[in-house]
């Protein structure tokens, strides 16, 4: 039997004169292409993780832990209820002023409430004291109807002794605007746990004893 010889067919190189430069260029291009392929196949650089923003920041406190926040300290409330028209009936303005007092955060704290009734200088002292007390009691009764505990409220009658404005002009004529401002009830609400400011309270004696003395009387008493 004849043995068949395997023949290896090698590619024929074109050795035609003038084409040797193309072969050399091909030999140069192939290594460069291989180098580029190896670079493109390298592993990508790791991307840095994003920095958490304020909205993504994680709290250092456990969910079940609650942080107590102290409320801002409040000052005692000082307000005025006007009786500019005279008498002891509540006007629409007076009701609005009381409504603002009832809505104040100081009232919710449960501190003591002091109502100081005042009048202008018309009339005698005894009449003015009764009128000032009636005005303070009117405010008290209205606040009680709005849910304020009666035991929190103290009523003080001052009459004409604590004017907020002049009752007369410099020429001696009545100052109607000043007198209207003096017909009022001053409302004070204390803050629990804070010392109350010292307030001069009228005595139960004669109204003359409640009036401030003159400079001569003060010097005489001092002697």
C-alpha atoms as a PDB file:
ATOM      1  CA  UNK A   1       0.000   0.000   0.000  1.00  0.00           C
ATOM      2  CA  UNK A   2       1.074   3.532  -0.692  1.00  0.00           C
ATOM      3  CA  UNK A   3       1.461   5.747   2.294  1.00  0.00           C
ATOM      4  CA  UNK A   4      -0.062   9.125   1.997  1.00  0.00           C
ATOM      5  CA  UNK A   5       2.234  11.860   3.113  1.00  0.00           C
ATOM      6  CA  UNK A   6       0.667  14.747   4.909  1.00  0.00           C
ATOM      7  CA  UNK A   7       1.696  17.947   3.385  1.00  0.00           C
ATOM      8  CA  UNK A   8       1.822  21.175   5.212  1.00  0.00           C
ATOM      9  CA  UNK A   9       0.735  23.977   3.055  1.00  0.00           C
ATOM     10  CA  UNK A  10       2.500  27.070   4.128  1.00  0.00           C
ATOM     11  CA  UNK A  11       1.211  30.398   3.038  1.00  0.00           C
ATOM     12  CA  UNK A  12       3.008  31.773   0.145  1.00  0.00           C
ATOM     13  CA  UNK A  13       4.703  34.995   0.699  1.00  0.00           C
ATOM     14  CA  UNK A  14       4.556  37.452  -2.052  1.00  0.00           C
ATOM     15  CA  UNK A  15       8.099  38.123  -2.764  1.00  0.00           C
ATOM     16  CA  UNK A  16       7.335  40.242  -5.716  1.00  0.00           C
ATOM     17  CA  UNK A  17       9.869  43.025  -5.898  1.00  0.00           C
ATOM     18  CA  UNK A  18       8.497  46.333  -4.564  1.00  0.00           C
ATOM     19  CA  UNK A  19       6.208  44.704  -1.970  1.00  0.00           C
ATOM     20  CA  UNK A  20       8.772  44.017   0.745  1.00  0.00           C
ATOM     21  CA  UNK A  21       7.991  47.406   2.363  1.00  0.00           C
ATOM     22  CA  UNK A  22       4.350  46.346   2.952  1.00  0.00           C
ATOM     23  CA  UNK A  23       5.517  43.250   4.800  1.00  0.00           C
ATOM     24  CA  UNK A  24       7.801  45.223   7.058  1.00  0.00           C
ATOM     25  CA  UNK A  25       5.034  47.689   7.850  1.00  0.00           C
ATOM     26  CA  UNK A  26       2.720  44.809   8.704  1.00  0.00           C
ATOM     27  CA  UNK A  27       5.332  43.404  11.051  1.00  0.00           C
ATOM     28  CA  UNK A  28       5.447  46.756  12.843  1.00  0.00           C
ATOM     29  CA  UNK A  29       1.684  47.248  13.119  1.00  0.00           C
ATOM     30  CA  UNK A  30       0.950  43.822  14.627  1.00  0.00           C
ATOM     31  CA  UNK A  31       2.992  44.290  17.857  1.00  0.00           C
ATOM     32  CA  UNK A  32       1.463  47.746  18.365  1.00  0.00           C
ATOM     33  CA  UNK A  33      -2.051  46.368  17.956  1.00  0.00           C
ATOM     34  CA  UNK A  34      -1.277  43.601  20.423  1.00  0.00           C
ATOM     35  CA  UNK A  35       0.012  46.151  22.943  1.00  0.00           C
ATOM     36  CA  UNK A  36      -3.133  48.263  22.614  1.00  0.00           C
ATOM     37  CA  UNK A  37      -5.307  45.192  23.055  1.00  0.00           C
ATOM     38  CA  UNK A  38      -3.477  44.264  26.234  1.00  0.00           C
ATOM     39  CA  UNK A  39      -3.967  47.804  27.596  1.00  0.00           C
ATOM     40  CA  UNK A  40      -7.661  47.821  26.783  1.00  0.00           C
ATOM     41  CA  UNK A  41      -8.067  44.512  28.549  1.00  0.00           C
ATOM     42  CA  UNK A  42      -6.565  45.733  31.835  1.00  0.00           C
ATOM     43  CA  UNK A  43      -8.782  45.912  34.927  1.00  0.00           C
ATOM     44  CA  UNK A  44     -10.627  49.261  35.435  1.00  0.00           C
ATOM     45  CA  UNK A  45      -9.572  51.488  38.286  1.00  0.00           C
ATOM     46  CA  UNK A  46     -11.842  51.236  41.367  1.00  0.00           C
ATOM     47  CA  UNK A  47     -14.432  54.024  41.599  1.00  0.00           C
ATOM     48  CA  UNK A  48     -14.339  55.793  44.994  1.00  0.00           C
ATOM     49  CA  UNK A  49     -17.520  55.447  47.040  1.00  0.00           C
ATOM     50  CA  UNK A  50     -19.590  58.654  47.236  1.00  0.00           C
ATOM     51  CA  UNK A  51     -19.343  60.754  50.380  1.00  0.00           C
ATOM     52  CA  UNK A  52     -22.637  60.728  52.337  1.00  0.00           C
ATOM     53  CA  UNK A  53     -24.553  63.984  52.046  1.00  0.00           C
ATOM     54  CA  UNK A  54     -26.408  65.676  54.885  1.00  0.00           C
ATOM     55  CA  UNK A  55     -29.621  63.913  53.888  1.00  0.00           C
ATOM     56  CA  UNK A  56     -27.805  60.547  53.793  1.00  0.00           C
ATOM     57  CA  UNK A  57     -25.890  61.000  57.053  1.00  0.00           C
ATOM     58  CA  UNK A  58     -26.533  58.295  59.588  1.00  0.00           C
ATOM     59  CA  UNK A  59     -27.444  59.354  63.112  1.00  0.00           C
ATOM     60  CA  UNK A  60     -25.092  58.273  65.866  1.00  0.00           C
ATOM     61  CA  UNK A  61     -28.050  57.790  68.215  1.00  0.00           C
ATOM     62  CA  UNK A  62     -30.032  54.618  68.328  1.00  0.00           C
ATOM     63  CA  UNK A  63     -33.635  54.961  67.136  1.00  0.00           C
ATOM     64  CA  UNK A  64     -34.962  54.130  70.577  1.00  0.00           C
ATOM     65  CA  UNK A  65     -32.889  56.822  72.261  1.00  0.00           C
ATOM     66  CA  UNK A  66     -34.679  60.187  72.515  1.00  0.00           C
ATOM     67  CA  UNK A  67     -32.741  63.366  73.096  1.00  0.00           C
ATOM     68  CA  UNK A  68     -34.490  65.754  75.467  1.00  0.00           C
ATOM     69  CA  UNK A  69     -34.680  69.329  74.282  1.00  0.00           C
ATOM     70  CA  UNK A  70     -35.261  72.036  76.846  1.00  0.00           C
ATOM     71  CA  UNK A  71     -37.791  74.686  75.907  1.00  0.00           C
ATOM     72  CA  UNK A  72     -36.570  78.219  75.681  1.00  0.00           C
ATOM     73  CA  UNK A  73     -36.967  80.091  78.944  1.00  0.00           C
ATOM     74  CA  UNK A  74     -40.040  82.330  79.048  1.00  0.00           C
ATOM     75  CA  UNK A  75     -40.337  85.653  80.784  1.00  0.00           C
ATOM     76  CA  UNK A  76     -43.375  86.439  82.940  1.00  0.00           C
ATOM     77  CA  UNK A  77     -46.239  87.859  80.910  1.00  0.00           C
ATOM     78  CA  UNK A  78     -47.218  91.487  81.354  1.00  0.00           C
ATOM     79  CA  UNK A  79     -50.338  92.568  79.464  1.00  0.00           C
ATOM     80  CA  UNK A  80     -53.127  95.134  79.651  1.00  0.00           C
ATOM     81  CA  UNK A  81     -56.888  94.891  79.239  1.00  0.00           C
ATOM     82  CA  UNK A  82     -58.357  98.244  78.279  1.00  0.00           C
ATOM     83  CA  UNK A  83     -61.444  99.863  79.806  1.00  0.00           C
ATOM     84  CA  UNK A  84     -60.908 103.087  77.896  1.00  0.00           C
ATOM     85  CA  UNK A  85     -64.633 103.695  77.497  1.00  0.00           C
ATOM     86  CA  UNK A  86     -65.164 103.635  81.267  1.00  0.00           C
ATOM     87  CA  UNK A  87     -67.383 101.345  83.313  1.00  0.00           C
ATOM     88  CA  UNK A  88     -66.629  97.687  83.933  1.00  0.00           C
ATOM     89  CA  UNK A  89     -68.066  96.021  80.830  1.00  0.00           C
ATOM     90  CA  UNK A  90     -65.738  94.251  78.425  1.00  0.00           C
ATOM     91  CA  UNK A  91     -65.438  95.897  75.034  1.00  0.00           C
ATOM     92  CA  UNK A  92     -64.596  94.047  71.832  1.00  0.00           C
ATOM     93  CA  UNK A  93     -61.021  95.271  72.197  1.00  0.00           C
ATOM     94  CA  UNK A  94     -60.851  93.986  75.779  1.00  0.00           C
ATOM     95  CA  UNK A  95     -62.081  90.550  74.678  1.00  0.00           C
ATOM     96  CA  UNK A  96     -59.419  90.418  71.971  1.00  0.00           C
ATOM     97  CA  UNK A  97     -56.751  91.342  74.502  1.00  0.00           C
ATOM     98  CA  UNK A  98     -57.920  88.637  76.907  1.00  0.00           C
ATOM     99  CA  UNK A  99     -57.983  86.113  74.048  1.00  0.00           C
ATOM    100  CA  UNK A 100     -54.328  86.876  73.343  1.00  0.00           C
ATOM    101  CA  UNK A 101     -53.519  86.329  77.014  1.00  0.00           C
ATOM    102  CA  UNK A 102     -55.368  83.007  77.049  1.00  0.00           C
ATOM    103  CA  UNK A 103     -53.366  81.868  74.002  1.00  0.00           C
ATOM    104  CA  UNK A 104     -49.993  82.768  75.519  1.00  0.00           C
ATOM    105  CA  UNK A 105     -47.485  80.013  76.424  1.00  0.00           C
ATOM    106  CA  UNK A 106     -47.082  81.575  79.873  1.00  0.00           C
ATOM    107  CA  UNK A 107     -50.696  80.788  80.734  1.00  0.00           C
ATOM    108  CA  UNK A 108     -50.228  77.115  79.834  1.00  0.00           C
ATOM    109  CA  UNK A 109     -47.425  76.746  82.390  1.00  0.00           C
ATOM    110  CA  UNK A 110     -49.921  77.128  85.252  1.00  0.00           C
ATOM    111  CA  UNK A 111     -48.309  80.049  87.072  1.00  0.00           C
ATOM    112  CA  UNK A 112     -50.079  82.551  89.309  1.00  0.00           C
ATOM    113  CA  UNK A 113     -52.160  85.270  87.646  1.00  0.00           C
ATOM    114  CA  UNK A 114     -52.439  88.746  89.148  1.00  0.00           C
ATOM    115  CA  UNK A 115     -55.077  91.209  87.954  1.00  0.00           C
ATOM    116  CA  UNK A 116     -54.552  94.833  89.005  1.00  0.00           C
ATOM    117  CA  UNK A 117     -57.483  97.139  88.382  1.00  0.00           C
ATOM    118  CA  UNK A 118     -56.858 100.831  87.687  1.00  0.00           C
ATOM    119  CA  UNK A 119     -58.870 104.004  87.120  1.00  0.00           C
ATOM    120  CA  UNK A 120     -58.250 107.601  86.123  1.00  0.00           C
ATOM    121  CA  UNK A 121     -58.167 110.405  88.674  1.00  0.00           C
ATOM    122  CA  UNK A 122     -61.814 111.417  88.363  1.00  0.00           C
ATOM    123  CA  UNK A 123     -63.965 110.771  91.432  1.00  0.00           C
ATOM    124  CA  UNK A 124     -62.884 110.186  95.021  1.00  0.00           C
ATOM    125  CA  UNK A 125     -60.516 107.499  96.170  1.00  0.00           C
ATOM    126  CA  UNK A 126     -63.118 105.080  97.550  1.00  0.00           C
ATOM    127  CA  UNK A 127     -65.170 105.190  94.371  1.00  0.00           C
ATOM    128  CA  UNK A 128     -62.102 104.631  92.241  1.00  0.00           C
ATOM    129  CA  UNK A 129     -60.978 101.696  94.362  1.00  0.00           C
ATOM    130  CA  UNK A 130     -64.349 100.006  93.974  1.00  0.00           C
ATOM    131  CA  UNK A 131     -64.372 100.681  90.244  1.00  0.00           C
ATOM    132  CA  UNK A 132     -60.874  99.304  89.784  1.00  0.00           C
ATOM    133  CA  UNK A 133     -61.745  96.149  91.714  1.00  0.00           C
ATOM    134  CA  UNK A 134     -64.892  95.656  89.659  1.00  0.00           C
ATOM    135  CA  UNK A 135     -62.879  95.832  86.452  1.00  0.00           C
ATOM    136  CA  UNK A 136     -60.350  93.297  87.685  1.00  0.00           C
ATOM    137  CA  UNK A 137     -63.156  90.979  88.806  1.00  0.00           C
ATOM    138  CA  UNK A 138     -64.777  91.283  85.378  1.00  0.00           C
ATOM    139  CA  UNK A 139     -61.575  90.104  83.741  1.00  0.00           C
ATOM    140  CA  UNK A 140     -61.230  87.307  86.299  1.00  0.00           C
ATOM    141  CA  UNK A 141     -64.773  86.041  85.739  1.00  0.00           C
ATOM    142  CA  UNK A 142     -64.316  86.062  81.974  1.00  0.00           C
ATOM    143  CA  UNK A 143     -61.074  84.103  82.219  1.00  0.00           C
ATOM    144  CA  UNK A 144     -62.771  81.544  84.463  1.00  0.00           C
ATOM    145  CA  UNK A 145     -65.456  80.991  81.820  1.00  0.00           C
ATOM    146  CA  UNK A 146     -62.613  80.206  79.408  1.00  0.00           C
ATOM    147  CA  UNK A 147     -61.242  77.440  81.621  1.00  0.00           C
ATOM    148  CA  UNK A 148     -58.722  79.231  83.859  1.00  0.00           C
ATOM    149  CA  UNK A 149     -58.738  77.894  87.438  1.00  0.00           C
ATOM    150  CA  UNK A 150     -60.057  80.471  89.876  1.00  0.00           C
ATOM    151  CA  UNK A 151     -57.439  79.622  92.514  1.00  0.00           C
ATOM    152  CA  UNK A 152     -54.717  80.833  90.174  1.00  0.00           C
ATOM    153  CA  UNK A 153     -56.110  84.365  90.024  1.00  0.00           C
ATOM    154  CA  UNK A 154     -55.530  87.186  92.509  1.00  0.00           C
ATOM    155  CA  UNK A 155     -57.405  90.484  92.228  1.00  0.00           C
ATOM    156  CA  UNK A 156     -55.865  93.756  93.439  1.00  0.00           C
ATOM    157  CA  UNK A 157     -57.594  97.152  93.361  1.00  0.00           C
ATOM    158  CA  UNK A 158     -55.273 100.107  92.843  1.00  0.00           C
ATOM    159  CA  UNK A 159     -57.738 102.849  92.004  1.00  0.00           C
ATOM    160  CA  UNK A 160     -55.941 105.907  90.618  1.00  0.00           C
ATOM    161  CA  UNK A 161     -52.631 105.268  92.389  1.00  0.00           C
ATOM    162  CA  UNK A 162     -50.708 103.715  89.450  1.00  0.00           C
ATOM    163  CA  UNK A 163     -51.448 105.856  86.367  1.00  0.00           C
ATOM    164  CA  UNK A 164     -49.931 104.719  83.083  1.00  0.00           C
ATOM    165  CA  UNK A 165     -50.291 108.196  81.578  1.00  0.00           C
ATOM    166  CA  UNK A 166     -50.898 111.738  82.864  1.00  0.00           C
ATOM    167  CA  UNK A 167     -54.470 112.458  83.900  1.00  0.00           C
ATOM    168  CA  UNK A 168     -54.012 116.191  83.207  1.00  0.00           C
ATOM    169  CA  UNK A 169     -52.068 118.373  80.835  1.00  0.00           C
ATOM    170  CA  UNK A 170     -49.475 120.881  81.968  1.00  0.00           C
ATOM    171  CA  UNK A 171     -52.028 123.696  81.788  1.00  0.00           C
ATOM    172  CA  UNK A 172     -54.281 121.840  84.240  1.00  0.00           C
ATOM    173  CA  UNK A 173     -56.887 120.755  81.715  1.00  0.00           C
ATOM    174  CA  UNK A 174     -57.951 117.086  81.592  1.00  0.00           C
ATOM    175  CA  UNK A 175     -55.841 114.792  79.408  1.00  0.00           C
ATOM    176  CA  UNK A 176     -58.585 112.611  77.962  1.00  0.00           C
ATOM    177  CA  UNK A 177     -56.188 110.286  76.146  1.00  0.00           C
ATOM    178  CA  UNK A 178     -54.186 109.792  79.326  1.00  0.00           C
ATOM    179  CA  UNK A 179     -57.298 109.141  81.401  1.00  0.00           C
ATOM    180  CA  UNK A 180     -58.504 106.573  78.870  1.00  0.00           C
ATOM    181  CA  UNK A 181     -55.155 104.778  79.095  1.00  0.00           C
ATOM    182  CA  UNK A 182     -55.418 104.698  82.894  1.00  0.00           C
ATOM    183  CA  UNK A 183     -58.784 102.931  82.848  1.00  0.00           C
ATOM    184  CA  UNK A 184     -57.371  99.436  82.551  1.00  0.00           C
ATOM    185  CA  UNK A 185     -56.529  96.099  84.174  1.00  0.00           C
ATOM    186  CA  UNK A 186     -52.869  95.057  84.259  1.00  0.00           C
ATOM    187  CA  UNK A 187     -52.389  91.299  83.895  1.00  0.00           C
ATOM    188  CA  UNK A 188     -49.287  89.529  85.209  1.00  0.00           C
ATOM    189  CA  UNK A 189     -48.644  85.801  84.775  1.00  0.00           C
ATOM    190  CA  UNK A 190     -45.722  84.367  86.725  1.00  0.00           C
ATOM    191  CA  UNK A 191     -43.501  81.535  85.509  1.00  0.00           C
ATOM    192  CA  UNK A 192     -43.473  78.568  87.931  1.00  0.00           C
ATOM    193  CA  UNK A 193     -40.097  78.217  89.624  1.00  0.00           C
ATOM    194  CA  UNK A 194     -39.053  81.792  88.966  1.00  0.00           C
ATOM    195  CA  UNK A 195     -39.074  84.426  91.729  1.00  0.00           C
ATOM    196  CA  UNK A 196     -41.896  86.897  91.379  1.00  0.00           C
ATOM    197  CA  UNK A 197     -41.125  90.564  91.092  1.00  0.00           C
ATOM    198  CA  UNK A 198     -41.999  92.546  94.191  1.00  0.00           C
ATOM    199  CA  UNK A 199     -45.172  94.527  93.610  1.00  0.00           C
ATOM    200  CA  UNK A 200     -46.563  97.196  95.883  1.00  0.00           C
ATOM    201  CA  UNK A 201     -49.944  96.036  97.138  1.00  0.00           C
ATOM    202  CA  UNK A 202     -52.481  98.391  98.673  1.00  0.00           C
ATOM    203  CA  UNK A 203     -53.351  97.972 102.322  1.00  0.00           C
ATOM    204  CA  UNK A 204     -56.824  97.702 103.737  1.00  0.00           C
ATOM    205  CA  UNK A 205     -56.524 101.027 105.523  1.00  0.00           C
ATOM    206  CA  UNK A 206     -57.634 104.461 104.492  1.00  0.00           C
ATOM    207  CA  UNK A 207     -56.921 105.328 100.840  1.00  0.00           C
ATOM    208  CA  UNK A 208     -54.990 108.350 102.020  1.00  0.00           C
ATOM    209  CA  UNK A 209     -52.400 105.974 103.501  1.00  0.00           C
ATOM    210  CA  UNK A 210     -51.825 104.498 100.060  1.00  0.00           C
ATOM    211  CA  UNK A 211     -50.903 107.769  98.365  1.00  0.00           C
ATOM    212  CA  UNK A 212     -47.184 108.466  97.998  1.00  0.00           C
ATOM    213  CA  UNK A 213     -45.914 111.118 100.378  1.00  0.00           C
ATOM    214  CA  UNK A 214     -44.341 114.397  99.361  1.00  0.00           C
ATOM    215  CA  UNK A 215     -40.613 115.125  99.517  1.00  0.00           C
ATOM    216  CA  UNK A 216     -41.131 117.231 102.678  1.00  0.00           C
ATOM    217  CA  UNK A 217     -42.973 114.347 104.355  1.00  0.00           C
ATOM    218  CA  UNK A 218     -40.210 111.920 103.397  1.00  0.00           C
ATOM    219  CA  UNK A 219     -37.541 114.207 104.881  1.00  0.00           C
ATOM    220  CA  UNK A 220     -39.587 114.709 108.042  1.00  0.00           C
ATOM    221  CA  UNK A 221     -40.025 110.952 108.522  1.00  0.00           C
ATOM    222  CA  UNK A 222     -36.335 110.393 107.939  1.00  0.00           C
ATOM    223  CA  UNK A 223     -35.503 112.882 110.686  1.00  0.00           C
END
